[in-house]
């Protein structure tokens, strides 16, 4: 799964991807950047 890393300022693959649900019920994905290890977050439905 790809996401935007704020530290690298580029689109990177996420490691340790985890499906989460926000307080308002929307789906989201949480993970870490493969290059620098920064936490990444992507809102919206994603394939499992």
PDB file of N, CA and C in Angstrom:
ATOM      1  N   UNK A   1       0.837  -1.172   0.000  1.00  0.00           N
ATOM      2  CA  UNK A   1       0.000   0.000   0.000  1.00  0.00           C
ATOM      3  C   UNK A   1       0.883   1.237   0.000  1.00  0.00           C
ATOM      4  N   UNK A   2       0.550   2.187  -0.841  1.00  0.00           N
ATOM      5  CA  UNK A   2       1.311   3.427  -0.926  1.00  0.00           C
ATOM      6  C   UNK A   2       0.632   4.543  -0.154  1.00  0.00           C
ATOM      7  N   UNK A   3       1.431   5.470   0.321  1.00  0.00           N
ATOM      8  CA  UNK A   3       0.940   6.652   1.017  1.00  0.00           C
ATOM      9  C   UNK A   3       1.976   7.747   0.905  1.00  0.00           C
ATOM     10  N   UNK A   4       1.658   8.928   1.378  1.00  0.00           N
ATOM     11  CA  UNK A   4       2.576  10.057   1.303  1.00  0.00           C
ATOM     12  C   UNK A   4       3.327  10.192   2.615  1.00  0.00           C
ATOM     13  N   UNK A   5       4.648  10.170   2.531  1.00  0.00           N
ATOM     14  CA  UNK A   5       5.491  10.356   3.712  1.00  0.00           C
ATOM     15  C   UNK A   5       5.829  11.835   3.829  1.00  0.00           C
ATOM     16  N   UNK A   6       5.484  12.453   4.946  1.00  0.00           N
ATOM     17  CA  UNK A   6       5.714  13.873   5.147  1.00  0.00           C
ATOM     18  C   UNK A   6       7.205  14.158   5.325  1.00  0.00           C
ATOM     19  N   UNK A   7       7.923  13.265   5.953  1.00  0.00           N
ATOM     20  CA  UNK A   7       9.350  13.472   6.192  1.00  0.00           C
ATOM     21  C   UNK A   7      10.163  13.346   4.898  1.00  0.00           C
ATOM     22  N   UNK A   8       9.873  12.327   4.080  1.00  0.00           N
ATOM     23  CA  UNK A   8      10.584  12.122   2.810  1.00  0.00           C
ATOM     24  C   UNK A   8      10.058  13.038   1.703  1.00  0.00           C
ATOM     25  N   UNK A   9       8.843  13.560   1.888  1.00  0.00           N
ATOM     26  CA  UNK A   9       8.156  14.379   0.890  1.00  0.00           C
ATOM     27  C   UNK A   9       8.001  13.640  -0.430  1.00  0.00           C
ATOM     28  N   UNK A  10       7.596  12.379  -0.326  1.00  0.00           N
ATOM     29  CA  UNK A  10       7.407  11.536  -1.509  1.00  0.00           C
ATOM     30  C   UNK A  10       6.391  10.445  -1.208  1.00  0.00           C
ATOM     31  N   UNK A  11       5.868   9.846  -2.261  1.00  0.00           N
ATOM     32  CA  UNK A  11       4.955   8.720  -2.120  1.00  0.00           C
ATOM     33  C   UNK A  11       5.783   7.460  -1.905  1.00  0.00           C
ATOM     34  N   UNK A  12       5.541   6.765  -0.815  1.00  0.00           N
ATOM     35  CA  UNK A  12       6.306   5.574  -0.440  1.00  0.00           C
ATOM     36  C   UNK A  12       5.379   4.429  -0.067  1.00  0.00           C
ATOM     37  N   UNK A  13       5.915   3.228  -0.055  1.00  0.00           N
ATOM     38  CA  UNK A  13       5.162   2.063   0.398  1.00  0.00           C
ATOM     39  C   UNK A  13       5.129   2.045   1.921  1.00  0.00           C
ATOM     40  N   UNK A  14       4.007   1.542   2.463  1.00  0.00           N
ATOM     41  CA  UNK A  14       3.860   1.426   3.917  1.00  0.00           C
ATOM     42  C   UNK A  14       4.230   0.022   4.366  1.00  0.00           C
ATOM     43  N   UNK A  15       4.861  -0.072   5.506  1.00  0.00           N
ATOM     44  CA  UNK A  15       5.151  -1.354   6.135  1.00  0.00           C
ATOM     45  C   UNK A  15       4.293  -1.445   7.389  1.00  0.00           C
ATOM     46  N   UNK A  16       3.984  -2.666   7.794  1.00  0.00           N
ATOM     47  CA  UNK A  16       3.183  -2.862   9.006  1.00  0.00           C
ATOM     48  C   UNK A  16       1.796  -2.263   8.867  1.00  0.00           C
ATOM     49  N   UNK A  17       1.178  -2.471   7.718  1.00  0.00           N
ATOM     50  CA  UNK A  17      -0.130  -1.888   7.421  1.00  0.00           C
ATOM     51  C   UNK A  17      -1.194  -2.460   8.346  1.00  0.00           C
ATOM     52  N   UNK A  18      -2.023  -1.572   8.900  1.00  0.00           N
ATOM     53  CA  UNK A  18      -3.078  -1.959   9.829  1.00  0.00           C
ATOM     54  C   UNK A  18      -4.350  -1.196   9.478  1.00  0.00           C
ATOM     55  N   UNK A  19      -5.461  -1.904   9.346  1.00  0.00           N
ATOM     56  CA  UNK A  19      -6.758  -1.288   9.066  1.00  0.00           C
ATOM     57  C   UNK A  19      -7.338  -0.778  10.384  1.00  0.00           C
ATOM     58  N   UNK A  20      -7.760   0.476  10.407  1.00  0.00           N
ATOM     59  CA  UNK A  20      -8.345   1.079  11.600  1.00  0.00           C
ATOM     60  C   UNK A  20      -9.652   1.788  11.234  1.00  0.00           C
ATOM     61  N   UNK A  21     -10.452   2.093  12.239  1.00  0.00           N
ATOM     62  CA  UNK A  21     -11.689   2.846  12.053  1.00  0.00           C
ATOM     63  C   UNK A  21     -11.601   4.102  12.899  1.00  0.00           C
ATOM     64  N   UNK A  22     -11.883   5.254  12.286  1.00  0.00           N
ATOM     65  CA  UNK A  22     -11.842   6.523  12.998  1.00  0.00           C
ATOM     66  C   UNK A  22     -13.056   6.663  13.912  1.00  0.00           C
ATOM     67  N   UNK A  23     -13.029   7.660  14.787  1.00  0.00           N
ATOM     68  CA  UNK A  23     -14.134   7.892  15.724  1.00  0.00           C
ATOM     69  C   UNK A  23     -15.459   8.105  15.007  1.00  0.00           C
ATOM     70  N   UNK A  24     -15.410   8.725  13.824  1.00  0.00           N
ATOM     71  CA  UNK A  24     -16.640   9.008  13.087  1.00  0.00           C
ATOM     72  C   UNK A  24     -17.087   7.831  12.219  1.00  0.00           C
ATOM     73  N   UNK A  25     -16.381   6.696  12.291  1.00  0.00           N
ATOM     74  CA  UNK A  25     -16.774   5.488  11.581  1.00  0.00           C
ATOM     75  C   UNK A  25     -16.126   5.297  10.224  1.00  0.00           C
ATOM     76  N   UNK A  26     -15.330   6.248   9.764  1.00  0.00           N
ATOM     77  CA  UNK A  26     -14.670   6.124   8.464  1.00  0.00           C
ATOM     78  C   UNK A  26     -13.485   5.166   8.558  1.00  0.00           C
ATOM     79  N   UNK A  27     -13.243   4.388   7.512  1.00  0.00           N
ATOM     80  CA  UNK A  27     -12.095   3.479   7.510  1.00  0.00           C
ATOM     81  C   UNK A  27     -10.800   4.231   7.199  1.00  0.00           C
ATOM     82  N   UNK A  28      -9.692   3.702   7.682  1.00  0.00           N
ATOM     83  CA  UNK A  28      -8.385   4.300   7.442  1.00  0.00           C
ATOM     84  C   UNK A  28      -7.313   3.216   7.518  1.00  0.00           C
ATOM     85  N   UNK A  29      -6.113   3.561   7.071  1.00  0.00           N
ATOM     86  CA  UNK A  29      -4.979   2.643   7.099  1.00  0.00           C
ATOM     87  C   UNK A  29      -3.814   3.323   7.794  1.00  0.00           C
ATOM     88  N   UNK A  30      -3.127   2.580   8.656  1.00  0.00           N
ATOM     89  CA  UNK A  30      -1.994   3.108   9.401  1.00  0.00           C
ATOM     90  C   UNK A  30      -0.789   2.231   9.117  1.00  0.00           C
ATOM     91  N   UNK A  31       0.396   2.839   9.002  1.00  0.00           N
ATOM     92  CA  UNK A  31       1.616   2.084   8.766  1.00  0.00           C
ATOM     93  C   UNK A  31       2.841   2.960   8.974  1.00  0.00           C
ATOM     94  N   UNK A  32       4.002   2.459   8.551  1.00  0.00           N
ATOM     95  CA  UNK A  32       5.240   3.218   8.654  1.00  0.00           C
ATOM     96  C   UNK A  32       5.929   3.270   7.305  1.00  0.00           C
ATOM     97  N   UNK A  33       6.712   4.317   7.085  1.00  0.00           N
ATOM     98  CA  UNK A  33       7.452   4.505   5.837  1.00  0.00           C
ATOM     99  C   UNK A  33       8.538   3.437   5.736  1.00  0.00           C
ATOM    100  N   UNK A  34       8.689   2.844   4.540  1.00  0.00           N
ATOM    101  CA  UNK A  34       9.693   1.795   4.359  1.00  0.00           C
ATOM    102  C   UNK A  34      11.117   2.331   4.403  1.00  0.00           C
ATOM    103  N   UNK A  35      11.316   3.599   4.121  1.00  0.00           N
ATOM    104  CA  UNK A  35      12.663   4.158   4.053  1.00  0.00           C
ATOM    105  C   UNK A  35      13.125   4.796   5.366  1.00  0.00           C
ATOM    106  N   UNK A  36      12.262   5.662   5.964  1.00  0.00           N
ATOM    107  CA  UNK A  36      12.702   6.405   7.150  1.00  0.00           C
ATOM    108  C   UNK A  36      12.030   5.957   8.450  1.00  0.00           C
ATOM    109  N   UNK A  37      10.938   5.177   8.372  1.00  0.00           N
ATOM    110  CA  UNK A  37      10.280   4.676   9.576  1.00  0.00           C
ATOM    111  C   UNK A  37       9.268   5.613  10.191  1.00  0.00           C
ATOM    112  N   UNK A  38       8.963   6.722   9.529  1.00  0.00           N
ATOM    113  CA  UNK A  38       7.979   7.676  10.032  1.00  0.00           C
ATOM    114  C   UNK A  38       6.575   7.086   9.933  1.00  0.00           C
ATOM    115  N   UNK A  39       5.713   7.398  10.906  1.00  0.00           N
ATOM    116  CA  UNK A  39       4.336   6.919  10.870  1.00  0.00           C
ATOM    117  C   UNK A  39       3.601   7.569   9.703  1.00  0.00           C
ATOM    118  N   UNK A  40       2.786   6.751   8.998  1.00  0.00           N
ATOM    119  CA  UNK A  40       1.997   7.233   7.881  1.00  0.00           C
ATOM    120  C   UNK A  40       0.541   6.893   8.132  1.00  0.00           C
ATOM    121  N   UNK A  41      -0.366   7.667   7.537  1.00  0.00           N
ATOM    122  CA  UNK A  41      -1.787   7.499   7.765  1.00  0.00           C
ATOM    123  C   UNK A  41      -2.516   7.840   6.484  1.00  0.00           C
ATOM    124  N   UNK A  42      -3.466   6.996   6.075  1.00  0.00           N
ATOM    125  CA  UNK A  42      -4.240   7.242   4.858  1.00  0.00           C
ATOM    126  C   UNK A  42      -5.710   7.007   5.157  1.00  0.00           C
ATOM    127  N   UNK A  43      -6.534   8.027   4.930  1.00  0.00           N
ATOM    128  CA  UNK A  43      -7.971   7.936   5.193  1.00  0.00           C
ATOM    129  C   UNK A  43      -8.677   7.423   3.961  1.00  0.00           C
ATOM    130  N   UNK A  44      -9.625   6.515   4.172  1.00  0.00           N
ATOM    131  CA  UNK A  44     -10.423   5.965   3.080  1.00  0.00           C
ATOM    132  C   UNK A  44     -10.365   4.463   3.064  1.00  0.00           C
ATOM    133  N   UNK A  45     -11.336   3.858   2.369  1.00  0.00           N
ATOM    134  CA  UNK A  45     -11.404   2.400   2.273  1.00  0.00           C
ATOM    135  C   UNK A  45     -10.245   1.877   1.436  1.00  0.00           C
ATOM    136  N   UNK A  46      -9.659   0.773   1.875  1.00  0.00           N
ATOM    137  CA  UNK A  46      -8.544   0.163   1.160  1.00  0.00           C
ATOM    138  C   UNK A  46      -8.765  -1.330   1.055  1.00  0.00           C
ATOM    139  N   UNK A  47      -8.160  -1.932   0.057  1.00  0.00           N
ATOM    140  CA  UNK A  47      -8.268  -3.385  -0.100  1.00  0.00           C
ATOM    141  C   UNK A  47      -7.462  -4.076   0.978  1.00  0.00           C
ATOM    142  N   UNK A  48      -7.947  -5.195   1.465  1.00  0.00           N
ATOM    143  CA  UNK A  48      -7.253  -5.935   2.528  1.00  0.00           C
ATOM    144  C   UNK A  48      -6.141  -6.776   1.954  1.00  0.00           C
TER     145      UNK A  48
END
